[in-house]
């Protein structure tokens, strides 16, 4: 059982974990997915290898091997 599944099993009302997005660039932009549920575009520097969006809690992780094409 994964940590997420175990957490949901013990507390089904827990909020879902933040979305993790693997990227191959050290500078990324987030707009929350755009559309009506989006937010203003903000830029993040991944000098430490990761950053979390202050608006939507998406977590960007620098990992070129796992990044989508």
Protein backbone atom coordinates (compact mmCIF):
# COMPACT_ATOMS: atom_id res chain seq x y z
CA UNK A 1 0.00 0.00 0.00
CA UNK A 2 1.40 3.42 -0.93
CA UNK A 3 1.68 6.28 1.57
CA UNK A 4 -1.19 8.06 -0.23
CA UNK A 5 -3.43 4.99 -0.12
CA UNK A 6 -2.57 4.42 3.54
CA UNK A 7 -3.35 8.05 4.34
CA UNK A 8 -6.73 7.85 2.56
CA UNK A 9 -7.50 4.56 4.34
CA UNK A 10 -6.92 6.11 7.77
CA UNK A 11 -8.54 9.46 6.94
CA UNK A 12 -10.91 9.35 3.95
CA UNK A 13 -11.72 13.06 4.36
CA UNK A 14 -8.08 14.12 3.88
CA UNK A 15 -7.50 16.45 0.93
CA UNK A 16 -5.75 14.93 -2.07
CA UNK A 17 -1.98 15.37 -2.26
CA UNK A 18 -0.69 18.17 -4.49
CA UNK A 19 -0.18 17.40 -8.15
CA UNK A 20 3.49 16.69 -8.93
CA UNK A 21 4.78 17.77 -12.33
CA UNK A 22 8.22 16.62 -13.47
CA UNK A 23 9.97 19.12 -15.72
CA UNK A 24 13.20 19.33 -17.72
CA UNK A 25 13.70 23.09 -17.35
CA UNK A 26 14.92 25.02 -14.31
CA UNK A 27 12.38 27.83 -14.88
CA UNK A 28 8.68 27.01 -15.12
CA UNK A 29 5.39 28.88 -15.31
CA UNK A 30 2.11 27.88 -13.68
CA UNK A 31 -1.37 29.20 -14.49
CA UNK A 32 -3.31 26.55 -12.59
CA UNK A 33 -4.29 24.77 -15.77
CA UNK A 34 -5.92 27.82 -17.34
CA UNK A 35 -9.60 28.28 -17.98
CA UNK A 36 -12.11 29.26 -15.33
CA UNK A 37 -10.27 27.34 -12.61
CA UNK A 38 -6.85 28.84 -13.38
CA UNK A 39 -4.93 31.69 -11.75
CA UNK A 40 -2.54 34.43 -12.88
CA UNK A 41 0.61 33.09 -14.53
CA UNK A 42 3.51 32.93 -12.09
CA UNK A 43 7.11 31.88 -12.73
CA UNK A 44 9.27 29.71 -10.51
CA UNK A 45 12.98 28.97 -10.46
CA UNK A 46 13.90 25.39 -9.60
CA UNK A 47 17.44 26.09 -8.45
CA UNK A 48 16.85 23.81 -5.44
CA UNK A 49 15.27 21.16 -7.69
CA UNK A 50 11.64 21.88 -6.85
CA UNK A 51 9.05 24.58 -6.20
CA UNK A 52 5.42 24.64 -5.10
CA UNK A 53 2.88 27.00 -6.64
CA UNK A 54 1.54 29.49 -4.11
CA UNK A 55 -1.86 29.52 -5.80
CA UNK A 56 -2.74 25.92 -6.64
CA UNK A 57 -0.15 23.88 -4.70
CA UNK A 58 1.16 22.12 -7.82
CA UNK A 59 4.65 20.88 -7.11
CA UNK A 60 7.22 21.22 -9.89
CA UNK A 61 10.21 18.87 -9.67
CA UNK A 62 13.27 19.12 -11.91
CA UNK A 63 13.80 15.63 -13.29
CA UNK A 64 14.48 15.50 -17.06
CA UNK A 65 14.21 11.70 -17.10
CA UNK A 66 10.63 11.71 -15.74
CA UNK A 67 9.49 14.88 -17.56
CA UNK A 68 6.80 14.53 -20.20
CA UNK A 69 7.99 15.19 -23.73
